[in-house]
């Protein structure tokens, strides 16, 4: 982790923002999650490279969290997930098997 010096000259670790999975509430770095981002015109995309800006929700790359999201898409998330997005999550995460 990169260290920065504050005004007093002491070394501080750089703050790394954390994200929270909407299914299991696990916290971690952005790279541990898939970001489902609402972009212009209320379109929702899977933001795999984290390059798009907009309102995002995060889900673990773990198959169990994705499976729970697919089984219960109508929960009170900030966005309603269209079936195409849920199908795409199934496609990009091959771990999901019953």
N, C-alpha and C. Protein backbone atom coordinates (compact mmCIF):
# COMPACT_ATOMS: atom_id res chain seq x y z
N UNK A 1 0.84 -1.17 0.00
CA UNK A 1 0.00 0.00 0.00
C UNK A 1 0.90 1.24 0.00
N UNK A 2 0.58 2.18 -0.80
CA UNK A 2 1.38 3.40 -0.91
C UNK A 2 1.21 4.25 0.34
N UNK A 3 2.33 4.79 0.81
CA UNK A 3 2.26 5.64 1.98
C UNK A 3 2.47 7.10 1.59
N UNK A 4 1.72 7.95 2.22
CA UNK A 4 1.83 9.38 2.00
C UNK A 4 2.26 10.05 3.29
N UNK A 5 2.92 11.17 3.19
CA UNK A 5 3.30 11.92 4.39
C UNK A 5 2.32 13.06 4.59
N UNK A 6 1.84 13.18 5.81
CA UNK A 6 0.94 14.30 6.09
C UNK A 6 1.75 15.55 6.40
N UNK A 7 1.09 16.62 6.77
CA UNK A 7 1.77 17.90 7.00
C UNK A 7 2.80 17.83 8.11
N UNK A 8 2.57 16.94 9.07
CA UNK A 8 3.52 16.82 10.18
C UNK A 8 4.74 15.98 9.79
N UNK A 9 4.70 15.36 8.60
CA UNK A 9 5.83 14.58 8.13
C UNK A 9 5.76 13.11 8.49
N UNK A 10 4.65 12.68 9.11
CA UNK A 10 4.53 11.27 9.45
C UNK A 10 3.88 10.52 8.29
N UNK A 11 4.24 9.27 8.14
CA UNK A 11 3.72 8.47 7.04
C UNK A 11 2.32 7.94 7.38
N UNK A 12 1.41 8.08 6.46
CA UNK A 12 0.05 7.55 6.59
C UNK A 12 -0.22 6.65 5.41
N UNK A 13 -1.00 5.60 5.63
CA UNK A 13 -1.38 4.76 4.51
C UNK A 13 -2.49 5.45 3.73
N UNK A 14 -2.43 5.29 2.42
CA UNK A 14 -3.43 5.89 1.54
C UNK A 14 -4.78 5.19 1.75
N UNK A 15 -5.81 5.98 1.81
CA UNK A 15 -7.17 5.45 1.99
C UNK A 15 -7.62 4.75 0.72
N UNK A 16 -8.10 3.52 0.85
CA UNK A 16 -8.66 2.80 -0.28
C UNK A 16 -10.16 2.68 -0.03
N UNK A 17 -10.97 3.26 -0.92
CA UNK A 17 -12.42 3.20 -0.71
C UNK A 17 -12.93 1.76 -0.80
N UNK A 18 -13.92 1.45 0.02
CA UNK A 18 -14.50 0.11 0.00
C UNK A 18 -15.90 0.16 -0.59
N UNK A 19 -16.32 -0.95 -1.12
CA UNK A 19 -17.67 -1.10 -1.66
C UNK A 19 -18.34 -2.24 -0.89
N UNK A 20 -19.67 -2.28 -0.91
CA UNK A 20 -20.43 -3.29 -0.18
C UNK A 20 -21.32 -4.06 -1.13
N UNK A 21 -21.28 -5.38 -1.03
CA UNK A 21 -22.14 -6.24 -1.84
C UNK A 21 -23.59 -6.04 -1.38
N UNK A 22 -24.50 -5.87 -2.33
CA UNK A 22 -25.90 -5.65 -1.97
C UNK A 22 -26.59 -6.92 -1.49
N UNK A 23 -25.97 -8.07 -1.72
CA UNK A 23 -26.59 -9.33 -1.33
C UNK A 23 -26.11 -9.78 0.05
N UNK A 24 -24.78 -9.92 0.22
CA UNK A 24 -24.25 -10.47 1.48
C UNK A 24 -23.68 -9.41 2.42
N UNK A 25 -23.59 -8.17 1.95
CA UNK A 25 -23.09 -7.03 2.73
C UNK A 25 -21.58 -7.10 3.03
N UNK A 26 -20.86 -7.98 2.31
CA UNK A 26 -19.40 -8.06 2.47
C UNK A 26 -18.77 -6.79 1.92
N UNK A 27 -17.73 -6.29 2.58
CA UNK A 27 -17.05 -5.07 2.14
C UNK A 27 -15.70 -5.42 1.55
N UNK A 28 -15.28 -4.63 0.57
CA UNK A 28 -13.98 -4.86 -0.03
C UNK A 28 -13.68 -3.85 -1.11
N UNK A 29 -12.55 -4.03 -1.78
CA UNK A 29 -12.14 -3.14 -2.86
C UNK A 29 -13.03 -3.34 -4.09
N UNK A 30 -13.09 -2.34 -4.94
CA UNK A 30 -13.92 -2.39 -6.14
C UNK A 30 -13.67 -3.64 -6.98
N UNK A 31 -12.41 -4.04 -7.04
CA UNK A 31 -12.03 -5.16 -7.92
C UNK A 31 -12.64 -6.49 -7.50
N UNK A 32 -13.19 -6.60 -6.31
CA UNK A 32 -13.79 -7.84 -5.83
C UNK A 32 -15.25 -7.98 -6.24
N UNK A 33 -15.80 -6.95 -6.89
CA UNK A 33 -17.23 -6.93 -7.20
C UNK A 33 -17.51 -6.67 -8.67
N UNK A 34 -18.71 -7.07 -9.09
CA UNK A 34 -19.26 -6.61 -10.36
C UNK A 34 -20.04 -5.34 -10.03
N UNK A 35 -19.89 -4.33 -10.84
CA UNK A 35 -20.66 -3.10 -10.65
C UNK A 35 -21.80 -3.08 -11.65
N UNK A 36 -23.00 -2.90 -11.16
CA UNK A 36 -24.17 -2.74 -12.02
C UNK A 36 -24.49 -1.26 -11.99
N UNK A 37 -24.26 -0.59 -13.11
CA UNK A 37 -24.30 0.87 -13.16
C UNK A 37 -25.46 1.37 -13.99
N UNK A 38 -26.18 2.32 -13.43
CA UNK A 38 -27.25 2.99 -14.17
C UNK A 38 -26.62 4.19 -14.86
N UNK A 39 -26.65 4.16 -16.19
CA UNK A 39 -26.08 5.24 -16.99
C UNK A 39 -27.21 6.09 -17.54
N UNK A 40 -26.89 6.96 -18.48
CA UNK A 40 -27.91 7.86 -19.05
C UNK A 40 -29.13 7.09 -19.54
N UNK A 41 -30.25 7.74 -19.53
CA UNK A 41 -31.54 7.18 -19.96
C UNK A 41 -31.97 5.99 -19.11
N UNK A 42 -31.50 5.91 -17.86
CA UNK A 42 -31.85 4.84 -16.91
C UNK A 42 -31.52 3.43 -17.43
N UNK A 43 -30.57 3.33 -18.34
CA UNK A 43 -30.12 2.03 -18.83
C UNK A 43 -29.14 1.46 -17.80
N UNK A 44 -29.23 0.15 -17.54
CA UNK A 44 -28.35 -0.50 -16.59
C UNK A 44 -27.36 -1.37 -17.35
N UNK A 45 -26.07 -1.24 -17.02
CA UNK A 45 -25.03 -2.03 -17.67
C UNK A 45 -24.16 -2.69 -16.60
N UNK A 46 -23.54 -3.82 -16.98
CA UNK A 46 -22.57 -4.44 -16.10
C UNK A 46 -21.24 -3.78 -16.40
N UNK A 47 -20.74 -3.08 -15.43
CA UNK A 47 -19.56 -2.24 -15.59
C UNK A 47 -18.33 -3.05 -15.16
N UNK A 48 -17.90 -4.01 -15.99
CA UNK A 48 -16.82 -4.91 -15.61
C UNK A 48 -15.47 -4.22 -15.50
N UNK A 49 -15.22 -3.23 -16.32
CA UNK A 49 -13.92 -2.54 -16.26
C UNK A 49 -13.97 -1.27 -15.41
N UNK A 50 -15.11 -1.00 -14.78
CA UNK A 50 -15.30 0.14 -13.88
C UNK A 50 -14.98 1.48 -14.53
N UNK A 51 -15.25 1.59 -15.82
CA UNK A 51 -14.92 2.82 -16.54
C UNK A 51 -16.12 3.75 -16.71
N UNK A 52 -17.32 3.22 -16.53
CA UNK A 52 -18.52 4.04 -16.74
C UNK A 52 -18.90 4.77 -15.45
N UNK A 53 -19.39 5.98 -15.63
CA UNK A 53 -19.82 6.71 -14.45
C UNK A 53 -21.34 6.67 -14.35
N UNK A 54 -21.82 6.74 -13.15
CA UNK A 54 -23.25 6.69 -12.89
C UNK A 54 -23.49 6.08 -11.53
N UNK A 55 -24.73 5.88 -11.17
CA UNK A 55 -25.10 5.29 -9.89
C UNK A 55 -24.89 3.79 -10.00
N UNK A 56 -24.13 3.20 -9.07
CA UNK A 56 -23.81 1.77 -9.15
C UNK A 56 -24.21 1.04 -7.89
N UNK A 57 -24.52 -0.24 -8.08
CA UNK A 57 -24.64 -1.17 -6.98
C UNK A 57 -23.61 -2.25 -7.24
N UNK A 58 -23.16 -2.91 -6.19
CA UNK A 58 -22.08 -3.88 -6.32
C UNK A 58 -22.54 -5.23 -5.83
N UNK A 59 -22.07 -6.29 -6.52
CA UNK A 59 -22.36 -7.66 -6.12
C UNK A 59 -21.06 -8.45 -6.22
N UNK A 60 -20.82 -9.30 -5.22
CA UNK A 60 -19.60 -10.12 -5.19
C UNK A 60 -19.49 -10.95 -6.46
N UNK A 61 -18.27 -11.24 -6.84
CA UNK A 61 -18.04 -12.12 -7.98
C UNK A 61 -18.25 -13.58 -7.59
N UNK A 62 -18.60 -13.80 -6.34
CA UNK A 62 -18.89 -15.12 -5.81
C UNK A 62 -20.20 -15.63 -6.43
N UNK A 63 -20.21 -16.88 -6.83
CA UNK A 63 -21.39 -17.45 -7.47
C UNK A 63 -22.63 -17.43 -6.60
N UNK A 64 -22.45 -17.57 -5.28
CA UNK A 64 -23.61 -17.60 -4.38
C UNK A 64 -24.34 -16.26 -4.36
N UNK A 65 -23.60 -15.17 -4.33
CA UNK A 65 -24.24 -13.85 -4.30
C UNK A 65 -24.97 -13.58 -5.62
N UNK A 66 -24.35 -13.94 -6.73
CA UNK A 66 -24.99 -13.73 -8.03
C UNK A 66 -26.23 -14.60 -8.13
N UNK A 67 -26.13 -15.84 -7.66
CA UNK A 67 -27.28 -16.74 -7.69
C UNK A 67 -28.43 -16.18 -6.86
N UNK A 68 -28.14 -15.64 -5.68
CA UNK A 68 -29.18 -15.05 -4.84
C UNK A 68 -29.78 -13.81 -5.49
N UNK A 69 -28.96 -13.03 -6.16
CA UNK A 69 -29.45 -11.85 -6.86
C UNK A 69 -30.40 -12.25 -7.99
N UNK A 70 -30.05 -13.31 -8.70
CA UNK A 70 -30.87 -13.78 -9.82
C UNK A 70 -32.18 -14.37 -9.31
N UNK A 71 -32.13 -15.11 -8.20
CA UNK A 71 -33.34 -15.72 -7.64
C UNK A 71 -34.31 -14.69 -7.09
N UNK A 72 -33.77 -13.60 -6.52
CA UNK A 72 -34.62 -12.59 -5.87
C UNK A 72 -34.32 -11.21 -6.43
N UNK A 73 -34.56 -10.98 -7.73
CA UNK A 73 -34.22 -9.68 -8.32
C UNK A 73 -35.15 -8.56 -7.90
N UNK A 74 -36.29 -8.88 -7.31
CA UNK A 74 -37.27 -7.86 -6.97
C UNK A 74 -37.10 -7.23 -5.60
N UNK A 75 -36.01 -7.56 -4.92
CA UNK A 75 -35.80 -6.94 -3.61
C UNK A 75 -35.65 -5.45 -3.77
N UNK A 76 -35.62 -4.75 -2.70
CA UNK A 76 -35.65 -3.28 -2.77
C UNK A 76 -34.27 -2.70 -3.05
N UNK A 77 -33.65 -3.08 -4.17
CA UNK A 77 -32.39 -2.47 -4.57
C UNK A 77 -32.69 -1.06 -5.07
N UNK A 78 -31.69 -0.26 -5.26
CA UNK A 78 -31.88 1.09 -5.78
C UNK A 78 -32.35 1.08 -7.23
N UNK A 79 -32.16 -0.02 -7.93
CA UNK A 79 -32.58 -0.11 -9.32
C UNK A 79 -33.27 -1.45 -9.56
N UNK A 80 -34.17 -1.47 -10.47
CA UNK A 80 -34.81 -2.72 -10.88
C UNK A 80 -33.95 -3.32 -11.99
N UNK A 81 -33.54 -4.57 -11.80
CA UNK A 81 -32.64 -5.19 -12.75
C UNK A 81 -33.42 -5.90 -13.85
N UNK A 82 -33.20 -5.52 -15.11
CA UNK A 82 -33.89 -6.19 -16.20
C UNK A 82 -33.38 -7.61 -16.40
N UNK A 83 -34.20 -8.50 -16.97
CA UNK A 83 -33.79 -9.90 -17.17
C UNK A 83 -32.51 -10.05 -17.98
N UNK A 84 -32.27 -9.14 -18.93
CA UNK A 84 -31.06 -9.24 -19.76
C UNK A 84 -29.80 -9.12 -18.91
N UNK A 85 -29.83 -8.26 -17.91
CA UNK A 85 -28.67 -8.07 -17.03
C UNK A 85 -28.45 -9.32 -16.19
N UNK A 86 -29.52 -9.92 -15.69
CA UNK A 86 -29.39 -11.13 -14.90
C UNK A 86 -28.84 -12.28 -15.75
N UNK A 87 -29.28 -12.38 -17.00
CA UNK A 87 -28.77 -13.40 -17.91
C UNK A 87 -27.29 -13.17 -18.22
N UNK A 88 -26.90 -11.92 -18.38
CA UNK A 88 -25.50 -11.60 -18.65
C UNK A 88 -24.63 -11.96 -17.44
N UNK A 89 -25.12 -11.71 -16.23
CA UNK A 89 -24.37 -12.10 -15.03
C UNK A 89 -24.18 -13.61 -14.98
N UNK A 90 -25.20 -14.37 -15.34
CA UNK A 90 -25.07 -15.83 -15.39
C UNK A 90 -24.01 -16.24 -16.42
N UNK A 91 -23.99 -15.55 -17.55
CA UNK A 91 -23.07 -15.90 -18.63
C UNK A 91 -21.61 -15.61 -18.25
N UNK A 92 -21.35 -14.46 -17.62
CA UNK A 92 -19.97 -14.09 -17.33
C UNK A 92 -19.43 -14.74 -16.07
N UNK A 93 -20.28 -15.35 -15.27
CA UNK A 93 -19.82 -16.02 -14.07
C UNK A 93 -20.13 -17.51 -14.17
N UNK A 94 -19.20 -18.29 -14.68
CA UNK A 94 -19.45 -19.72 -14.91
C UNK A 94 -19.52 -20.57 -13.66
N UNK A 95 -19.28 -20.00 -12.48
CA UNK A 95 -19.28 -20.76 -11.22
C UNK A 95 -20.70 -21.20 -10.87
N UNK A 96 -21.70 -20.50 -11.35
CA UNK A 96 -23.09 -20.76 -10.95
C UNK A 96 -23.55 -22.11 -11.49
N UNK A 97 -23.80 -23.03 -10.58
CA UNK A 97 -24.33 -24.33 -10.94
C UNK A 97 -25.19 -24.80 -9.76
N UNK A 98 -26.28 -25.48 -10.06
CA UNK A 98 -27.12 -26.02 -8.96
C UNK A 98 -26.69 -27.42 -8.60
